[in-house]
Every structure is written in C-alpha cells, then in structure tokens.
C-alpha cells in the first residue's frame, strides 16, 4: 500500500483527494492533504468525510507548511497541485525537489516547475530512483506525453503543432461563429468560468508557450526554456480578420509549434477541414513522426479531464512500485 499526500487543495486537489479517499485506485492510501492554510494528516488514511471544501475549520488542521508532509517516513508519493508560477516555479518547485531528493515519487499538474526546471528535476529523479510524472501539465486528460513515451517510443518525433489553450480557443470560436468581438467573447468566457479574472497568460500566449516547452522537452529532448519561445498572443485579432479568414474557408487559431526551426506560438490561419481545427474549449495536437507520419489527438484540455490524467499517472506509479516489490 503506497502512502500518498496531495499538496494543493484547489479545484483539482479537492476532486482528486475525494476520489483517492474513496478508494478509486487500489494500493493507494491518502494520508495527507495540504493547502495554503496548513495540512491534515492521518497515518491510517483519510476518508471522504475528512475532506470538506475548506480545511480551515477542521480541528486536525495543523497550520504548518506543506514541506513538513514531504517526508520519506510519512509518504511514498507526492501529488503536487499548487498554482502555476511562471516566474520561479514556487512553491511547487521546492516541494518537488524536496520529494525527489528523498526518493519520493511525484505526480504533478503544475506547469511552472516542469517548464522551468525539467532537466534538473528529471536528473534528481534519476539519481534517487524516483518517478516524476507530469501528464496533467499539458492537454488536460489528453494522453499526449504517455502516447509518445509509452506507445510510440521507438519512432522519432519530428514536430509538434496544435491548440493547447482552451480559453483562447473558446474566444476565437465565438468570434468565428457568432461574430463577437474579442472583448465580448472574453467577457462571456469569464462569466462561464472558462477564462480567469486575469486572462493575461492565456491571451498573450504564455500558457500555450509553457505547455509547448514541456512537450518539446519531454518528447523531443529539446532542452528549451520559456525564453526560447517566440510568442504572440491573440489580443490584436479583430472581428474583421476573423471574417476575412471565414470568407476563405479558414479561421484563426492560436497555434503552438515545435520543430527544427524552434518553438513559437502565434495566431495562424487554419483550414476548417484541418484535423487540428477544433472549436470551443477543445485542444488538438498534431504529432509528426518519422515513420508513422501525422497523428492528431483531440480532447478536453482542462477541468475535470485533468483529474483523469492525474489518476492515470498515479496508477502508473502503483504499477511500477508493485512490480519492483515483486522482484
């Protein structure tokens, strides 16, 4: 039975904690959960009733930093779900480092540490014999990383091209189909909870760039940083530009590309019959392999679907540790 802690108790953390506490994955015992207010810990495992929406009112809440929970004597697996910080990756980067240094396996949906310190963290994992899985950092529940690394590992990935941000795709879709202005489509997206109150990282293409860096480093050994990406967002896209594209049987999408020319994010004209031309909050990524050729995968890129990616990474850890224990 692997002991698991979750650090980060927001949208994803709450849903994942309740699933694990309910026994969604056999051989996993959820022993601790941490938020910005402190943490709760039960050696024999937390139950669903121990996990309210707000941990602050629990008598067992300890108002101490999450780092106290990241201890080899307490846990075997850290699930790191604190908010993404593109400046320095903190506090998630410190949490992941601390776990890997002790040989604690890590599963995360936190883009910051993986985009900013991928090579360092993978080096720590290799040195300590720990696993670092991060499928949930890109594409929500779409199995982009595992598709290449587990199913197509023998084929060389030549390029990546796709829509990696659901917020901007929703906005551009509404501009295309309903002839909305960007401002009106953004306001609607915010009302529906699709866009953040401050949507800057989405609109300026930074979120897409972060995800592109993660994919390029994970799947192509690119060794890139966010500063290596040429980035242009959608803030200058007008209704007139969308209408002109539509009249030519095309539309405008925010596209991330990683290939031999480097990494770049920008609005691009896309034919309406192109496989990556998806609408609403969908993501679509087209891989170009040396042998297989082009493979496009489509799915929900955020929200509840991300929990699926987290569960599958946790399951991979359980499988790997079960095999190693049998040897």
Protein backbone atom coordinates (compact mmCIF):
# COMPACT_ATOMS: atom_id res chain seq x y z
CA UNK A 1 0.00 0.00 0.00
CA UNK A 2 1.55 3.29 -1.13
CA UNK A 3 1.10 6.31 1.12
CA UNK A 4 0.10 9.45 -0.79
CA UNK A 5 -0.11 13.15 0.05
CA UNK A 6 -1.67 15.94 -2.02
CA UNK A 7 -0.19 19.43 -1.81
CA UNK A 8 -2.59 21.98 -3.25
CA UNK A 9 -6.29 21.88 -2.38
CA UNK A 10 -7.96 23.81 -5.17
CA UNK A 11 -10.24 22.58 -7.95
CA UNK A 12 -8.07 19.59 -8.83
CA UNK A 13 -6.85 18.84 -5.33
CA UNK A 14 -10.33 18.53 -3.85
CA UNK A 15 -11.63 16.25 -6.57
CA UNK A 16 -8.57 14.05 -6.60
CA UNK A 17 -8.45 13.80 -2.80
CA UNK A 18 -12.05 12.62 -2.58
CA UNK A 19 -11.51 10.04 -5.31
CA UNK A 20 -8.40 8.62 -3.66
CA UNK A 21 -10.01 8.66 -0.21
CA UNK A 22 -12.91 6.69 -1.71
CA UNK A 23 -10.55 4.01 -3.00
CA UNK A 24 -10.51 4.99 -6.68
CA UNK A 25 -7.08 3.36 -7.03
CA UNK A 26 -6.27 0.22 -5.11
CA UNK A 27 -3.00 0.14 -3.16
CA UNK A 28 -3.12 3.92 -2.59
CA UNK A 29 -3.74 5.31 0.88
CA UNK A 30 -4.27 9.07 1.08
CA UNK A 31 -2.62 10.10 4.35
CA UNK A 32 -2.26 13.87 3.99
CA UNK A 33 -3.61 16.94 2.24
CA UNK A 34 -2.10 20.44 2.37
CA UNK A 35 -3.47 23.84 1.43
CA UNK A 36 -2.05 27.33 1.85
CA UNK A 37 -3.55 27.37 5.38
CA UNK A 38 -1.83 24.21 6.65
CA UNK A 39 -2.25 20.46 6.37
CA UNK A 40 -4.17 17.49 7.70
CA UNK A 41 -2.58 14.09 8.25
CA UNK A 42 -3.83 10.69 9.33
CA UNK A 43 -1.37 7.81 9.41
CA UNK A 44 -4.06 5.22 8.70
CA UNK A 45 -5.62 7.17 5.84
CA UNK A 46 -8.12 9.96 5.23
CA UNK A 47 -11.75 9.21 4.48
CA UNK A 48 -14.09 11.27 2.23
CA UNK A 49 -15.72 12.73 5.35
CA UNK A 50 -12.36 14.17 6.39
CA UNK A 51 -12.24 16.36 3.27
CA UNK A 52 -14.57 19.38 3.33
CA UNK A 53 -14.30 22.21 0.79
CA UNK A 54 -12.42 24.35 3.30
CA UNK A 55 -9.81 22.72 5.52
CA UNK A 56 -9.54 25.73 7.83
CA UNK A 57 -12.37 24.65 10.09
CA UNK A 58 -11.04 21.14 10.77
CA UNK A 59 -9.79 20.52 14.28
CA UNK A 60 -6.98 18.32 12.91
CA UNK A 61 -5.62 21.09 10.65
CA UNK A 62 -2.01 21.88 11.50
CA UNK A 63 -1.12 25.46 10.48
CA UNK A 64 2.34 24.50 9.21
CA UNK A 65 3.98 24.45 5.77
CA UNK A 66 3.36 21.58 3.37
CA UNK A 67 7.08 20.78 3.42
CA UNK A 68 6.52 19.05 6.79
CA UNK A 69 4.42 16.43 5.00
CA UNK A 70 7.05 15.77 2.32
CA UNK A 71 9.00 13.25 4.36
CA UNK A 72 10.03 9.74 3.33
CA UNK A 73 8.89 8.47 6.74
CA UNK A 74 5.36 9.76 6.06
CA UNK A 75 4.74 9.33 2.33
CA UNK A 76 5.77 7.40 -0.76
CA UNK A 77 4.05 9.63 -3.33
CA UNK A 78 3.60 13.39 -3.62
CA UNK A 79 0.88 14.83 -5.85
CA UNK A 80 1.86 18.49 -6.34
CA UNK A 81 -1.06 20.73 -7.35
CA UNK A 82 -0.17 24.22 -6.14
CA UNK A 83 -0.89 27.10 -8.59
CA UNK A 84 1.45 27.62 -11.54
CA UNK A 85 4.07 30.32 -11.02
CA UNK A 86 5.91 31.18 -14.25
CA UNK A 87 8.47 33.43 -12.55
CA UNK A 88 10.29 30.92 -10.36
CA UNK A 89 8.03 27.86 -10.14
CA UNK A 90 7.48 28.25 -6.42
CA UNK A 91 6.29 26.83 -4.11
CA UNK A 92 5.81 23.78 -6.32
CA UNK A 93 9.44 23.62 -7.42
CA UNK A 94 10.68 23.37 -3.83
CA UNK A 95 8.07 20.73 -2.99
CA UNK A 96 9.06 18.58 -5.98
CA UNK A 97 12.78 18.97 -5.33
CA UNK A 98 12.34 18.01 -1.69
CA UNK A 99 10.38 14.90 -2.62
CA UNK A 100 12.72 13.70 -5.37
CA UNK A 101 15.81 14.20 -3.23
CA UNK A 102 14.31 11.72 -0.76
CA UNK A 103 13.29 9.22 -3.43
CA UNK A 104 9.60 10.07 -3.12
CA UNK A 105 7.68 9.62 -6.38
CA UNK A 106 5.97 12.73 -7.78
CA UNK A 107 2.88 13.27 -9.93
CA UNK A 108 2.02 16.86 -10.83
CA UNK A 109 -0.23 19.11 -12.89
CA UNK A 110 1.90 22.17 -12.05
CA UNK A 111 3.32 23.60 -15.28
CA UNK A 112 5.77 26.02 -13.64
CA UNK A 113 8.36 23.61 -12.20
CA UNK A 114 8.25 21.30 -15.23
CA UNK A 115 8.65 24.13 -17.75
CA UNK A 116 11.32 25.98 -15.78
CA UNK A 117 13.44 23.14 -14.39
CA UNK A 118 12.69 19.98 -16.39
CA UNK A 119 16.26 18.75 -16.82
CA UNK A 120 17.17 19.41 -13.19
CA UNK A 121 14.12 17.62 -11.84
CA UNK A 122 14.49 14.63 -14.15
CA UNK A 123 18.11 14.44 -13.08
CA UNK A 124 17.09 14.36 -9.43
CA UNK A 125 14.52 11.66 -10.16
CA UNK A 126 17.07 9.51 -11.97
CA UNK A 127 19.65 9.95 -9.21
CA UNK A 128 17.25 8.95 -6.41
CA UNK A 129 15.34 6.30 -8.35
CA UNK A 130 12.07 8.22 -8.02
CA UNK A 131 9.41 8.67 -10.69
CA UNK A 132 8.34 12.12 -11.92
CA UNK A 133 5.14 12.00 -13.99
CA UNK A 134 3.53 15.14 -15.39
CA UNK A 135 0.94 14.14 -18.00
CA UNK A 136 -1.57 16.53 -16.41
CA UNK A 137 0.58 19.62 -17.12
CA UNK A 138 -0.43 19.68 -20.81
CA UNK A 139 -3.72 18.97 -22.54
CA UNK A 140 -5.86 18.16 -19.52
CA UNK A 141 -6.81 14.50 -19.83
CA UNK A 142 -5.40 14.03 -23.35
CA UNK A 143 -2.58 11.44 -23.09
CA UNK A 144 -0.01 13.40 -25.10
CA UNK A 145 3.13 12.55 -23.13
CA UNK A 146 2.27 8.93 -22.44
CA UNK A 147 1.17 8.39 -26.05
CA UNK A 148 4.69 9.15 -27.28
CA UNK A 149 6.72 7.75 -24.39
CA UNK A 150 4.76 4.54 -23.86
CA UNK A 151 3.17 3.73 -27.21
CA UNK A 152 5.47 5.28 -29.83
CA UNK A 153 8.83 5.37 -28.05
CA UNK A 154 10.70 3.73 -30.96
CA UNK A 155 9.58 6.32 -33.52
CA UNK A 156 11.24 9.74 -33.78
CA UNK A 157 9.01 12.74 -33.18
CA UNK A 158 9.89 15.42 -35.73
CA UNK A 159 7.43 18.17 -34.87
CA UNK A 160 4.51 19.22 -32.69
CA UNK A 161 1.73 21.55 -33.78
CA UNK A 162 -1.52 22.31 -32.03
CA UNK A 163 -4.06 24.20 -29.99
CA UNK A 164 -3.04 23.98 -26.34
CA UNK A 165 -5.19 26.59 -24.64
CA UNK A 166 -8.95 26.15 -24.21
CA UNK A 167 -9.63 29.73 -23.18
CA UNK A 168 -8.25 31.32 -26.33
CA UNK A 169 -9.81 28.62 -28.49
CA UNK A 170 -13.23 29.35 -26.97
CA UNK A 171 -12.82 33.07 -27.60
CA UNK A 172 -11.69 32.62 -31.20
CA UNK A 173 -14.50 30.11 -31.81
CA UNK A 174 -17.13 32.57 -30.58
CA UNK A 175 -15.61 35.28 -32.74
CA UNK A 176 -15.80 32.94 -35.75
CA UNK A 177 -19.28 31.50 -35.33
CA UNK A 178 -21.13 34.34 -33.56
CA UNK A 179 -19.20 37.31 -34.98
CA UNK A 180 -18.41 38.56 -31.47
CA UNK A 181 -15.63 41.00 -30.69
CA UNK A 182 -12.71 39.66 -28.69
CA UNK A 183 -13.75 41.75 -25.70
CA UNK A 184 -17.31 40.40 -25.70
CA UNK A 185 -16.18 36.79 -26.18
CA UNK A 186 -13.70 37.19 -23.32
CA UNK A 187 -16.39 38.60 -21.03
CA UNK A 188 -18.64 35.64 -21.84
CA UNK A 189 -15.79 33.19 -21.18
CA UNK A 190 -15.18 34.80 -17.80
CA UNK A 191 -18.87 34.59 -16.89
CA UNK A 192 -18.83 30.87 -17.75
CA UNK A 193 -15.66 30.23 -15.75
CA UNK A 194 -13.68 29.37 -18.89
CA UNK A 195 -11.40 32.39 -18.53
CA UNK A 196 -9.63 33.62 -15.39
CA UNK A 197 -10.38 37.01 -13.90
CA UNK A 198 -6.92 37.99 -15.15
CA UNK A 199 -6.63 36.16 -18.50
CA UNK A 200 -3.28 37.71 -19.44
CA UNK A 201 -1.28 34.45 -19.60
CA UNK A 202 -3.89 32.90 -21.89
CA UNK A 203 -4.48 35.88 -24.19
CA UNK A 204 -0.78 36.70 -24.61
CA UNK A 205 0.11 33.12 -25.47
CA UNK A 206 2.27 32.44 -22.40
CA UNK A 207 0.20 29.48 -21.20
CA UNK A 208 0.48 27.86 -24.63
CA UNK A 209 4.23 28.54 -24.64
CA UNK A 210 4.68 26.88 -21.24
CA UNK A 211 2.90 23.76 -22.48
CA UNK A 212 4.88 23.75 -25.70
CA UNK A 213 8.17 23.86 -23.75
CA UNK A 214 7.02 20.91 -21.63
CA UNK A 215 6.08 18.85 -24.70
CA UNK A 216 9.27 19.71 -26.59
CA UNK A 217 11.50 18.85 -23.63
CA UNK A 218 9.59 15.71 -22.63
CA UNK A 219 9.09 14.25 -26.10
CA UNK A 220 11.89 15.72 -28.25
CA UNK A 221 14.68 16.28 -25.69
CA UNK A 222 14.76 19.87 -26.89
CA UNK A 223 16.35 21.40 -23.77
CA UNK A 224 14.33 24.60 -24.21
CA UNK A 225 13.20 27.31 -21.79
CA UNK A 226 10.26 29.70 -21.92
CA UNK A 227 12.64 32.45 -23.05
CA UNK A 228 13.43 30.39 -26.17
CA UNK A 229 9.83 30.59 -27.42
CA UNK A 230 8.74 33.31 -29.84
CA UNK A 231 5.33 34.33 -28.51
CA UNK A 232 2.46 36.32 -29.97
CA UNK A 233 -0.99 36.21 -28.40
CA UNK A 234 -4.47 36.93 -29.72
CA UNK A 235 -5.04 40.42 -28.32
CA UNK A 236 -4.71 42.04 -31.76
CA UNK A 237 -7.15 39.70 -33.51
CA UNK A 238 -10.12 41.67 -34.80
CA UNK A 239 -13.59 40.65 -35.93
CA UNK A 240 -12.62 41.84 -39.41
CA UNK A 241 -9.63 39.48 -39.52
CA UNK A 242 -11.83 36.56 -38.46
CA UNK A 243 -14.45 37.45 -41.08
CA UNK A 244 -11.81 37.63 -43.82
CA UNK A 245 -10.47 34.19 -42.86
CA UNK A 246 -14.00 32.78 -42.75
CA UNK A 247 -14.69 34.04 -46.24
CA UNK A 248 -11.73 31.97 -47.48
CA UNK A 249 -12.86 28.76 -45.79
CA UNK A 250 -10.43 29.27 -42.95
CA UNK A 251 -10.33 30.54 -39.39
CA UNK A 252 -7.74 31.89 -36.96
CA UNK A 253 -6.40 29.75 -34.12
CA UNK A 254 -3.65 30.24 -31.54
CA UNK A 255 -1.10 27.61 -32.56
CA UNK A 256 1.99 26.32 -30.80
CA UNK A 257 4.70 24.78 -32.99
CA UNK A 258 7.89 22.91 -32.07
CA UNK A 259 10.10 21.74 -34.93
CA UNK A 260 13.63 22.02 -36.32
CA UNK A 261 13.17 25.80 -36.62
CA UNK A 262 12.49 26.18 -32.90
CA UNK A 263 9.46 26.91 -30.69
CA UNK A 264 6.85 29.53 -31.46
CA UNK A 265 3.30 30.49 -30.53
CA UNK A 266 1.17 32.75 -32.70
CA UNK A 267 -2.28 33.14 -34.29
CA UNK A 268 -2.36 31.21 -37.55
CA UNK A 269 -4.78 30.74 -40.42
CA UNK A 270 -6.14 27.19 -40.26
CA UNK A 271 -8.36 25.49 -42.83
CA UNK A 272 -11.74 24.48 -41.44
CA UNK A 273 -11.19 20.87 -42.55
CA UNK A 274 -7.77 20.58 -40.91
CA UNK A 275 -7.79 17.90 -38.15
CA UNK A 276 -6.48 20.41 -35.59
CA UNK A 277 -9.28 22.88 -36.35
CA UNK A 278 -11.38 22.18 -33.25
CA UNK A 279 -13.69 24.63 -31.55
CA UNK A 280 -14.91 25.66 -28.12
CA UNK A 281 -12.62 24.62 -25.26
CA UNK A 282 -11.20 21.60 -27.09
CA UNK A 283 -7.45 21.11 -27.56
CA UNK A 284 -5.92 19.40 -30.59
CA UNK A 285 -2.30 18.37 -31.10
CA UNK A 286 -0.76 17.02 -34.28
CA UNK A 287 2.44 14.96 -33.95
CA UNK A 288 4.60 14.31 -37.00
CA UNK A 289 6.65 11.11 -36.64
CA UNK A 290 9.43 9.92 -38.93
CA UNK A 291 7.77 6.55 -39.61
CA UNK A 292 4.15 6.90 -38.56
CA UNK A 293 3.66 10.31 -40.12
CA UNK A 294 0.99 12.65 -38.84
CA UNK A 295 -1.11 11.71 -35.83
CA UNK A 296 -3.68 14.12 -34.37
CA UNK A 297 -5.29 13.74 -30.97
CA UNK A 298 -8.23 15.82 -29.73
CA UNK A 299 -9.87 16.25 -26.34
CA UNK A 300 -10.82 18.49 -23.45
CA UNK A 301 -7.75 20.36 -22.34
CA UNK A 302 -8.63 21.37 -18.78
CA UNK A 303 -11.04 20.98 -15.86
CA UNK A 304 -12.36 17.60 -14.81
CA UNK A 305 -10.46 15.84 -17.59
CA UNK A 306 -7.18 16.76 -15.88
CA UNK A 307 -8.19 14.59 -12.92
CA UNK A 308 -8.19 11.63 -15.32
CA UNK A 309 -4.57 12.36 -16.26
CA UNK A 310 -3.59 12.59 -12.59
CA UNK A 311 -5.30 9.30 -11.77
CA UNK A 312 -3.55 7.56 -14.65
CA UNK A 313 -0.13 8.84 -13.60
CA UNK A 314 -0.79 7.69 -10.03
CA UNK A 315 -1.82 4.31 -11.39
CA UNK A 316 1.46 4.12 -13.32
CA UNK A 317 3.37 4.71 -10.08
CA UNK A 318 1.37 1.98 -8.34
CA UNK A 319 2.06 -0.47 -11.19
CA UNK A 320 5.77 0.29 -11.25
CA UNK A 321 6.18 0.00 -7.48
CA UNK A 322 4.16 -3.21 -7.37
CA UNK A 323 6.46 -4.77 -9.99
CA UNK A 324 9.60 -3.64 -8.18
CA UNK A 325 8.32 -5.10 -4.90
CA UNK A 326 7.72 -8.46 -6.58
CA UNK A 327 11.24 -8.65 -7.96
